N, C-alpha and C. Protein backbone atom coordinates (compact mmCIF):
# COMPACT_ATOMS: atom_id res chain seq x y z
N MET A 1 -0.78 0.52 -15.95
CA MET A 1 0.01 1.17 -14.91
C MET A 1 -0.18 0.44 -13.59
N LEU A 2 0.88 0.30 -12.84
CA LEU A 2 0.86 -0.20 -11.47
C LEU A 2 0.88 1.01 -10.55
N LEU A 3 0.24 0.91 -9.40
CA LEU A 3 0.13 2.06 -8.51
C LEU A 3 0.41 1.66 -7.07
N ALA A 4 1.38 2.33 -6.46
CA ALA A 4 1.65 2.17 -5.03
C ALA A 4 1.08 3.39 -4.32
N VAL A 5 0.39 3.16 -3.18
CA VAL A 5 -0.21 4.27 -2.43
C VAL A 5 0.22 4.20 -0.97
N ASP A 6 0.22 5.37 -0.34
CA ASP A 6 0.53 5.46 1.09
C ASP A 6 -0.17 6.69 1.65
N VAL A 7 -0.46 6.65 2.95
CA VAL A 7 -1.18 7.73 3.62
C VAL A 7 -0.47 8.09 4.92
N HIS A 8 -0.38 9.38 5.20
CA HIS A 8 0.11 9.86 6.50
C HIS A 8 -0.93 10.84 7.04
N TYR A 9 -0.83 11.14 8.35
CA TYR A 9 -1.88 11.91 9.02
C TYR A 9 -1.31 13.05 9.84
N SER A 10 -2.16 14.03 10.02
CA SER A 10 -1.92 15.11 10.96
C SER A 10 -3.28 15.41 11.57
N GLU A 11 -3.50 14.87 12.75
CA GLU A 11 -4.79 15.00 13.45
C GLU A 11 -5.92 14.47 12.59
N GLU A 12 -6.79 15.32 12.06
CA GLU A 12 -7.95 14.85 11.29
C GLU A 12 -7.76 15.00 9.78
N THR A 13 -6.51 15.17 9.34
CA THR A 13 -6.22 15.34 7.92
C THR A 13 -5.33 14.21 7.44
N GLY A 14 -5.67 13.65 6.29
CA GLY A 14 -4.87 12.60 5.68
C GLY A 14 -4.17 13.12 4.44
N TYR A 15 -2.95 12.72 4.25
CA TYR A 15 -2.15 13.09 3.09
C TYR A 15 -1.84 11.80 2.35
N VAL A 16 -2.41 11.65 1.19
CA VAL A 16 -2.28 10.41 0.43
C VAL A 16 -1.47 10.68 -0.82
N ALA A 17 -0.58 9.74 -1.12
CA ALA A 17 0.26 9.86 -2.31
C ALA A 17 0.19 8.56 -3.10
N GLY A 18 0.39 8.69 -4.39
CA GLY A 18 0.45 7.54 -5.27
C GLY A 18 1.64 7.67 -6.21
N VAL A 19 2.25 6.55 -6.52
CA VAL A 19 3.36 6.49 -7.46
C VAL A 19 2.97 5.49 -8.53
N GLY A 20 2.89 5.97 -9.78
CA GLY A 20 2.56 5.11 -10.90
C GLY A 20 3.80 4.65 -11.63
N PHE A 21 3.81 3.38 -12.04
CA PHE A 21 4.95 2.84 -12.77
C PHE A 21 4.46 1.73 -13.71
N HIS A 22 5.27 1.42 -14.71
CA HIS A 22 4.87 0.45 -15.74
C HIS A 22 5.28 -0.98 -15.41
N SER A 23 6.47 -1.16 -14.87
CA SER A 23 7.03 -2.49 -14.69
C SER A 23 7.54 -2.67 -13.27
N TRP A 24 7.47 -3.90 -12.78
CA TRP A 24 7.94 -4.19 -11.42
C TRP A 24 9.41 -3.85 -11.25
N THR A 25 10.17 -3.82 -12.31
CA THR A 25 11.60 -3.53 -12.21
C THR A 25 11.94 -2.07 -12.47
N ASP A 26 10.94 -1.22 -12.69
CA ASP A 26 11.20 0.21 -12.93
C ASP A 26 11.99 0.81 -11.77
N GLN A 27 12.94 1.68 -12.14
CA GLN A 27 13.76 2.35 -11.13
C GLN A 27 13.13 3.63 -10.63
N SER A 28 12.23 4.20 -11.43
CA SER A 28 11.60 5.45 -11.01
C SER A 28 10.15 5.48 -11.48
N ALA A 29 9.38 6.35 -10.85
CA ALA A 29 7.97 6.49 -11.17
C ALA A 29 7.79 7.17 -12.52
N ILE A 30 6.72 6.81 -13.21
CA ILE A 30 6.37 7.53 -14.43
C ILE A 30 5.55 8.76 -14.09
N THR A 31 4.84 8.70 -12.96
CA THR A 31 4.03 9.83 -12.51
C THR A 31 3.74 9.69 -11.03
N THR A 32 3.44 10.82 -10.40
CA THR A 32 3.05 10.80 -8.98
C THR A 32 1.74 11.55 -8.81
N TYR A 33 1.04 11.22 -7.75
CA TYR A 33 -0.26 11.82 -7.44
C TYR A 33 -0.30 12.14 -5.96
N SER A 34 -1.13 13.12 -5.60
CA SER A 34 -1.32 13.40 -4.18
C SER A 34 -2.70 14.03 -3.96
N SER A 35 -3.18 13.87 -2.75
CA SER A 35 -4.45 14.46 -2.32
C SER A 35 -4.38 14.72 -0.83
N THR A 36 -5.14 15.68 -0.39
CA THR A 36 -5.32 15.95 1.03
C THR A 36 -6.78 15.71 1.35
N VAL A 37 -7.02 14.96 2.41
CA VAL A 37 -8.38 14.60 2.81
C VAL A 37 -8.60 15.09 4.23
N THR A 38 -9.63 15.91 4.42
CA THR A 38 -9.91 16.44 5.76
C THR A 38 -11.01 15.63 6.43
N ASN A 39 -11.11 15.81 7.74
CA ASN A 39 -12.13 15.15 8.56
C ASN A 39 -12.10 13.64 8.45
N ILE A 40 -10.90 13.06 8.48
CA ILE A 40 -10.80 11.61 8.44
C ILE A 40 -11.16 11.05 9.81
N ALA A 41 -11.51 9.79 9.84
CA ALA A 41 -11.91 9.13 11.08
C ALA A 41 -10.75 9.08 12.06
N ALA A 42 -11.09 9.11 13.33
CA ALA A 42 -10.09 8.95 14.37
C ALA A 42 -9.58 7.51 14.34
N TYR A 43 -8.36 7.31 14.81
CA TYR A 43 -7.80 5.97 14.85
C TYR A 43 -8.58 5.13 15.85
N THR A 44 -8.98 3.96 15.40
CA THR A 44 -9.66 2.99 16.25
C THR A 44 -8.89 1.68 16.13
N PRO A 45 -8.37 1.16 17.24
CA PRO A 45 -7.62 -0.11 17.16
C PRO A 45 -8.45 -1.18 16.45
N GLY A 46 -7.79 -1.88 15.51
CA GLY A 46 -8.45 -2.93 14.76
C GLY A 46 -9.28 -2.43 13.59
N GLN A 47 -9.36 -1.11 13.43
CA GLN A 47 -10.14 -0.55 12.32
C GLN A 47 -9.34 0.54 11.61
N PHE A 48 -8.07 0.25 11.42
CA PHE A 48 -7.12 1.13 10.75
C PHE A 48 -7.63 1.59 9.39
N TYR A 49 -8.33 0.71 8.70
CA TYR A 49 -8.82 1.01 7.36
C TYR A 49 -9.76 2.20 7.31
N LYS A 50 -10.44 2.50 8.40
CA LYS A 50 -11.40 3.61 8.40
C LYS A 50 -10.72 4.96 8.18
N ARG A 51 -9.45 5.05 8.53
CA ARG A 51 -8.68 6.28 8.31
C ARG A 51 -8.13 6.34 6.89
N GLU A 52 -7.61 5.22 6.41
CA GLU A 52 -6.88 5.22 5.14
C GLU A 52 -7.76 5.01 3.92
N LEU A 53 -8.78 4.18 4.04
CA LEU A 53 -9.61 3.85 2.87
C LEU A 53 -10.20 5.07 2.18
N PRO A 54 -10.82 6.02 2.90
CA PRO A 54 -11.37 7.20 2.22
C PRO A 54 -10.29 8.03 1.51
N CYS A 55 -9.09 8.04 2.08
CA CYS A 55 -8.00 8.79 1.44
C CYS A 55 -7.59 8.14 0.12
N ILE A 56 -7.45 6.84 0.13
CA ILE A 56 -7.04 6.13 -1.08
C ILE A 56 -8.12 6.23 -2.16
N THR A 57 -9.36 6.03 -1.78
CA THR A 57 -10.43 6.10 -2.79
C THR A 57 -10.56 7.51 -3.35
N GLN A 58 -10.32 8.53 -2.52
CA GLN A 58 -10.36 9.90 -3.05
C GLN A 58 -9.23 10.13 -4.05
N LEU A 59 -8.05 9.62 -3.77
CA LEU A 59 -6.92 9.75 -4.70
C LEU A 59 -7.28 9.11 -6.04
N LEU A 60 -7.84 7.91 -6.00
CA LEU A 60 -8.22 7.21 -7.24
C LEU A 60 -9.26 8.01 -8.02
N GLU A 61 -10.25 8.53 -7.31
CA GLU A 61 -11.32 9.29 -7.97
C GLU A 61 -10.83 10.63 -8.50
N LYS A 62 -10.09 11.37 -7.67
CA LYS A 62 -9.61 12.71 -8.06
C LYS A 62 -8.78 12.67 -9.34
N HIS A 63 -7.97 11.63 -9.47
CA HIS A 63 -7.06 11.54 -10.62
C HIS A 63 -7.55 10.54 -11.67
N ALA A 64 -8.78 10.04 -11.50
CA ALA A 64 -9.38 9.08 -12.45
C ALA A 64 -8.42 7.93 -12.77
N LEU A 65 -7.88 7.33 -11.70
CA LEU A 65 -6.88 6.28 -11.85
C LEU A 65 -7.54 4.91 -12.04
N THR A 66 -7.01 4.15 -12.97
CA THR A 66 -7.47 2.78 -13.23
C THR A 66 -6.25 1.87 -13.37
N PRO A 67 -5.57 1.62 -12.26
CA PRO A 67 -4.34 0.83 -12.32
C PRO A 67 -4.61 -0.65 -12.54
N ALA A 68 -3.61 -1.35 -13.05
CA ALA A 68 -3.70 -2.79 -13.21
C ALA A 68 -3.67 -3.47 -11.85
N ILE A 69 -2.86 -2.94 -10.94
CA ILE A 69 -2.71 -3.48 -9.58
C ILE A 69 -2.44 -2.30 -8.65
N ILE A 70 -2.96 -2.37 -7.43
CA ILE A 70 -2.69 -1.36 -6.41
C ILE A 70 -1.89 -2.01 -5.29
N ILE A 71 -0.82 -1.34 -4.87
CA ILE A 71 0.02 -1.81 -3.76
C ILE A 71 -0.23 -0.87 -2.58
N VAL A 72 -0.62 -1.44 -1.44
CA VAL A 72 -0.88 -0.65 -0.25
C VAL A 72 0.17 -0.94 0.81
N ASP A 73 0.37 0.02 1.68
CA ASP A 73 1.26 -0.12 2.83
C ASP A 73 0.44 -0.73 3.95
N GLY A 74 0.55 -2.04 4.12
CA GLY A 74 -0.21 -2.73 5.16
C GLY A 74 -0.65 -4.09 4.67
N TYR A 75 -1.57 -4.65 5.41
CA TYR A 75 -2.06 -6.00 5.12
C TYR A 75 -3.34 -5.95 4.29
N VAL A 76 -3.51 -6.95 3.44
CA VAL A 76 -4.78 -7.17 2.76
C VAL A 76 -5.64 -8.06 3.64
N HIS A 77 -5.04 -9.14 4.12
CA HIS A 77 -5.72 -10.07 5.03
C HIS A 77 -4.94 -10.16 6.33
N LEU A 78 -5.66 -10.21 7.42
CA LEU A 78 -5.06 -10.39 8.73
C LEU A 78 -5.30 -11.83 9.18
N PRO A 79 -4.50 -12.32 10.11
CA PRO A 79 -4.72 -13.66 10.62
C PRO A 79 -6.14 -13.82 11.18
N GLY A 80 -6.63 -15.03 11.10
CA GLY A 80 -7.96 -15.31 11.63
C GLY A 80 -9.07 -14.94 10.65
N GLY A 81 -8.70 -14.71 9.40
CA GLY A 81 -9.70 -14.40 8.39
C GLY A 81 -10.23 -12.98 8.43
N LYS A 82 -9.60 -12.11 9.18
CA LYS A 82 -10.05 -10.72 9.25
C LYS A 82 -9.55 -9.93 8.04
N ALA A 83 -10.36 -8.97 7.62
CA ALA A 83 -9.99 -8.11 6.49
C ALA A 83 -9.06 -7.00 6.97
N GLY A 84 -8.00 -6.79 6.22
CA GLY A 84 -7.11 -5.66 6.45
C GLY A 84 -7.48 -4.54 5.50
N LEU A 85 -6.69 -3.48 5.50
CA LEU A 85 -6.92 -2.32 4.63
C LEU A 85 -7.11 -2.75 3.18
N GLY A 86 -6.23 -3.61 2.68
CA GLY A 86 -6.28 -4.01 1.28
C GLY A 86 -7.56 -4.72 0.90
N LYS A 87 -8.07 -5.57 1.77
CA LYS A 87 -9.33 -6.27 1.49
C LYS A 87 -10.49 -5.28 1.49
N HIS A 88 -10.49 -4.35 2.42
CA HIS A 88 -11.54 -3.32 2.44
C HIS A 88 -11.48 -2.48 1.16
N LEU A 89 -10.26 -2.16 0.70
CA LEU A 89 -10.10 -1.41 -0.55
C LEU A 89 -10.61 -2.23 -1.73
N PHE A 90 -10.22 -3.50 -1.79
CA PHE A 90 -10.66 -4.40 -2.86
C PHE A 90 -12.19 -4.45 -2.92
N ASP A 91 -12.81 -4.61 -1.77
CA ASP A 91 -14.28 -4.69 -1.72
C ASP A 91 -14.93 -3.37 -2.10
N SER A 92 -14.36 -2.25 -1.64
CA SER A 92 -14.96 -0.94 -1.94
C SER A 92 -14.87 -0.63 -3.44
N LEU A 93 -13.87 -1.20 -4.10
CA LEU A 93 -13.70 -1.02 -5.55
C LEU A 93 -14.37 -2.15 -6.33
N GLN A 94 -15.15 -2.95 -5.62
CA GLN A 94 -15.91 -4.06 -6.21
C GLN A 94 -15.02 -5.02 -6.99
N GLY A 95 -13.82 -5.25 -6.47
CA GLY A 95 -12.91 -6.21 -7.08
C GLY A 95 -12.34 -5.80 -8.42
N ALA A 96 -12.42 -4.51 -8.74
CA ALA A 96 -11.96 -4.04 -10.05
C ALA A 96 -10.45 -4.18 -10.24
N TYR A 97 -9.68 -4.12 -9.15
CA TYR A 97 -8.22 -4.15 -9.24
C TYR A 97 -7.66 -5.11 -8.20
N PRO A 98 -6.69 -5.94 -8.58
CA PRO A 98 -6.00 -6.74 -7.58
C PRO A 98 -5.26 -5.81 -6.61
N ILE A 99 -5.17 -6.25 -5.37
CA ILE A 99 -4.50 -5.46 -4.33
C ILE A 99 -3.39 -6.30 -3.72
N ILE A 100 -2.21 -5.70 -3.59
CA ILE A 100 -1.09 -6.33 -2.90
C ILE A 100 -0.78 -5.48 -1.67
N GLY A 101 -0.72 -6.14 -0.53
CA GLY A 101 -0.35 -5.46 0.71
C GLY A 101 1.09 -5.77 1.07
N VAL A 102 1.85 -4.74 1.37
CA VAL A 102 3.24 -4.88 1.79
C VAL A 102 3.34 -4.27 3.19
N ALA A 103 3.40 -5.14 4.19
CA ALA A 103 3.48 -4.69 5.57
C ALA A 103 4.91 -4.80 6.07
N LYS A 104 5.33 -3.79 6.83
CA LYS A 104 6.69 -3.77 7.35
C LYS A 104 6.80 -4.45 8.71
N ASN A 105 5.67 -4.53 9.41
CA ASN A 105 5.69 -5.10 10.76
C ASN A 105 4.81 -6.35 10.84
N LEU A 106 5.26 -7.28 11.65
CA LEU A 106 4.54 -8.54 11.83
C LEU A 106 3.26 -8.30 12.62
N PHE A 107 2.15 -8.77 12.07
CA PHE A 107 0.89 -8.81 12.80
C PHE A 107 0.86 -10.19 13.44
N PRO A 108 0.67 -10.27 14.78
CA PRO A 108 0.71 -11.56 15.46
C PRO A 108 -0.19 -12.60 14.78
N GLY A 109 0.38 -13.77 14.54
CA GLY A 109 -0.37 -14.85 13.92
C GLY A 109 -0.20 -14.94 12.42
N THR A 110 0.55 -14.01 11.82
CA THR A 110 0.78 -14.05 10.38
C THR A 110 1.59 -15.30 10.03
N HIS A 111 1.13 -16.05 9.05
CA HIS A 111 1.80 -17.28 8.63
C HIS A 111 3.13 -16.96 7.94
N PRO A 112 4.17 -17.76 8.20
CA PRO A 112 5.47 -17.51 7.57
C PRO A 112 5.45 -17.49 6.04
N ARG A 113 4.44 -18.09 5.40
CA ARG A 113 4.39 -18.09 3.93
C ARG A 113 4.24 -16.67 3.36
N HIS A 114 3.88 -15.72 4.22
CA HIS A 114 3.71 -14.34 3.77
C HIS A 114 5.01 -13.53 3.89
N GLU A 115 6.05 -14.13 4.45
CA GLU A 115 7.32 -13.43 4.64
C GLU A 115 8.10 -13.34 3.33
N LEU A 116 8.73 -12.19 3.14
CA LEU A 116 9.59 -11.98 1.97
C LEU A 116 10.84 -11.25 2.44
N LEU A 117 11.99 -11.88 2.23
CA LEU A 117 13.27 -11.23 2.52
C LEU A 117 13.79 -10.62 1.24
N ARG A 118 14.20 -9.35 1.30
CA ARG A 118 14.76 -8.64 0.15
C ARG A 118 16.16 -8.18 0.49
N GLY A 119 17.00 -8.15 -0.51
CA GLY A 119 18.36 -7.67 -0.31
C GLY A 119 19.05 -8.51 0.75
N SER A 120 19.86 -7.86 1.55
CA SER A 120 20.58 -8.57 2.61
C SER A 120 19.86 -8.45 3.96
N SER A 121 18.67 -7.91 3.94
CA SER A 121 17.92 -7.72 5.18
C SER A 121 17.53 -9.06 5.80
N GLN A 122 17.60 -9.11 7.09
CA GLN A 122 17.14 -10.29 7.84
C GLN A 122 15.74 -10.07 8.39
N ARG A 123 15.18 -8.87 8.14
CA ARG A 123 13.81 -8.56 8.56
C ARG A 123 12.89 -8.68 7.36
N PRO A 124 11.90 -9.55 7.45
CA PRO A 124 11.02 -9.74 6.29
C PRO A 124 9.98 -8.63 6.13
N LEU A 125 9.49 -8.53 4.91
CA LEU A 125 8.25 -7.82 4.63
C LEU A 125 7.16 -8.89 4.67
N TYR A 126 5.92 -8.49 4.84
CA TYR A 126 4.80 -9.43 4.91
C TYR A 126 3.86 -9.11 3.77
N ILE A 127 3.73 -10.05 2.84
CA ILE A 127 2.98 -9.83 1.61
C ILE A 127 1.66 -10.60 1.66
N THR A 128 0.56 -9.87 1.49
CA THR A 128 -0.76 -10.48 1.38
C THR A 128 -1.43 -9.88 0.16
N SER A 129 -2.48 -10.55 -0.33
CA SER A 129 -3.07 -10.07 -1.58
C SER A 129 -4.52 -10.53 -1.73
N GLU A 130 -5.20 -9.86 -2.65
CA GLU A 130 -6.56 -10.23 -3.06
C GLU A 130 -6.65 -9.95 -4.55
N GLY A 131 -7.19 -10.91 -5.30
CA GLY A 131 -7.31 -10.75 -6.74
C GLY A 131 -6.05 -11.16 -7.49
N ILE A 132 -5.04 -11.58 -6.77
CA ILE A 132 -3.77 -12.07 -7.32
C ILE A 132 -3.21 -13.06 -6.30
N ALA A 133 -2.66 -14.16 -6.76
CA ALA A 133 -2.12 -15.17 -5.85
C ALA A 133 -0.98 -14.58 -5.02
N THR A 134 -0.91 -15.00 -3.77
CA THR A 134 0.12 -14.49 -2.86
C THR A 134 1.52 -14.78 -3.39
N ASN A 135 1.76 -15.97 -3.94
CA ASN A 135 3.09 -16.28 -4.48
C ASN A 135 3.46 -15.35 -5.63
N GLU A 136 2.50 -15.01 -6.48
CA GLU A 136 2.76 -14.09 -7.57
C GLU A 136 3.03 -12.68 -7.03
N ALA A 137 2.25 -12.28 -6.03
CA ALA A 137 2.45 -10.96 -5.40
C ALA A 137 3.85 -10.88 -4.79
N LYS A 138 4.26 -11.92 -4.09
CA LYS A 138 5.60 -11.94 -3.49
C LYS A 138 6.68 -11.84 -4.57
N LYS A 139 6.48 -12.55 -5.67
CA LYS A 139 7.44 -12.51 -6.79
C LYS A 139 7.57 -11.08 -7.31
N HIS A 140 6.45 -10.41 -7.49
CA HIS A 140 6.48 -9.04 -8.00
C HIS A 140 7.21 -8.09 -7.03
N ILE A 141 6.91 -8.18 -5.75
CA ILE A 141 7.56 -7.29 -4.77
C ILE A 141 9.05 -7.61 -4.70
N ALA A 142 9.41 -8.88 -4.82
CA ALA A 142 10.83 -9.27 -4.82
C ALA A 142 11.56 -8.68 -6.02
N GLU A 143 10.87 -8.57 -7.16
CA GLU A 143 11.47 -8.04 -8.40
C GLU A 143 11.66 -6.53 -8.38
N MET A 144 10.96 -5.83 -7.51
CA MET A 144 11.01 -4.37 -7.53
C MET A 144 12.42 -3.85 -7.32
N PHE A 145 12.71 -2.74 -7.96
CA PHE A 145 14.03 -2.14 -7.93
C PHE A 145 14.41 -1.72 -6.51
N GLY A 146 15.69 -1.92 -6.20
CA GLY A 146 16.26 -1.51 -4.92
C GLY A 146 16.92 -2.67 -4.23
N GLN A 147 18.04 -2.40 -3.62
CA GLN A 147 18.82 -3.45 -2.95
C GLN A 147 18.40 -3.65 -1.50
N ASN A 148 17.59 -2.76 -1.00
CA ASN A 148 17.23 -2.81 0.42
C ASN A 148 15.94 -3.56 0.67
N ARG A 149 15.60 -3.68 1.91
CA ARG A 149 14.39 -4.38 2.33
C ARG A 149 13.15 -3.81 1.67
N ILE A 150 13.05 -2.50 1.65
CA ILE A 150 11.87 -1.84 1.09
C ILE A 150 12.21 -1.35 -0.32
N PRO A 151 11.42 -1.77 -1.32
CA PRO A 151 11.69 -1.34 -2.69
C PRO A 151 11.71 0.19 -2.84
N ALA A 152 12.51 0.67 -3.78
CA ALA A 152 12.71 2.11 -3.96
C ALA A 152 11.40 2.86 -4.21
N LEU A 153 10.51 2.31 -5.03
CA LEU A 153 9.26 3.02 -5.32
C LEU A 153 8.33 3.06 -4.11
N LEU A 154 8.41 2.07 -3.23
CA LEU A 154 7.59 2.11 -2.01
C LEU A 154 8.17 3.13 -1.03
N LYS A 155 9.47 3.28 -1.02
CA LYS A 155 10.09 4.35 -0.22
C LYS A 155 9.67 5.71 -0.76
N GLN A 156 9.62 5.83 -2.09
CA GLN A 156 9.26 7.11 -2.70
C GLN A 156 7.83 7.50 -2.35
N VAL A 157 6.89 6.59 -2.43
CA VAL A 157 5.50 6.93 -2.13
C VAL A 157 5.33 7.28 -0.65
N ASP A 158 6.07 6.60 0.22
CA ASP A 158 6.04 6.94 1.64
C ASP A 158 6.55 8.37 1.86
N ARG A 159 7.64 8.70 1.20
CA ARG A 159 8.23 10.04 1.33
C ARG A 159 7.28 11.12 0.80
N LEU A 160 6.61 10.84 -0.32
CA LEU A 160 5.66 11.81 -0.88
C LEU A 160 4.50 12.07 0.07
N ALA A 161 3.98 11.02 0.69
CA ALA A 161 2.88 11.19 1.65
C ALA A 161 3.36 11.96 2.87
N ARG A 162 4.55 11.65 3.35
CA ARG A 162 5.12 12.38 4.51
C ARG A 162 5.37 13.84 4.16
N ASP A 163 5.87 14.09 2.94
CA ASP A 163 6.11 15.47 2.51
C ASP A 163 4.82 16.25 2.44
N GLY A 164 3.74 15.60 2.01
CA GLY A 164 2.43 16.27 1.99
C GLY A 164 2.03 16.71 3.37
N GLU A 165 2.30 15.86 4.34
CA GLU A 165 1.98 16.21 5.73
C GLU A 165 2.86 17.36 6.21
N LYS A 166 4.14 17.34 5.86
CA LYS A 166 5.07 18.39 6.31
C LYS A 166 4.76 19.74 5.67
N ASN A 167 4.26 19.72 4.45
CA ASN A 167 4.03 20.95 3.70
C ASN A 167 2.71 21.64 4.03
N GLN A 168 1.97 21.11 4.94
CA GLN A 168 0.69 21.72 5.29
C GLN A 168 0.83 22.66 6.47
């Protein structure tokens, strides 16, 4: 199973969702997961992972998930050799699963080789990875179902996390 995850917040509470699927070209999820995490860390510039990492690891533990690959909303690696959310997740899981980061916004200094244009969009996604080659990760994200910039399953996991926040 492949797993896409996303997290949204309401003050000190995180709402994490996961969408499981079998193939990069799947049109819909085979299953969905969610968790609510309280007392998450406050946002600290440059340390975004401190808010999201505990939420994602709790989702994996709560549902005993062992995906082939995890896709996160954000960067795995940041310019200058800094670790992003995905690298912190990879390390916390002791490299058990490859991580692909799909970021919607440019982090200053990101190399153009990480850009991926999907559909007719002129705005790229930024793909970084650990445990899987970046070119392979880009190929997989490019193959994902949906004609728009953001693949349909990544939109779905974002919506599920947002709905968790709204329903509290």
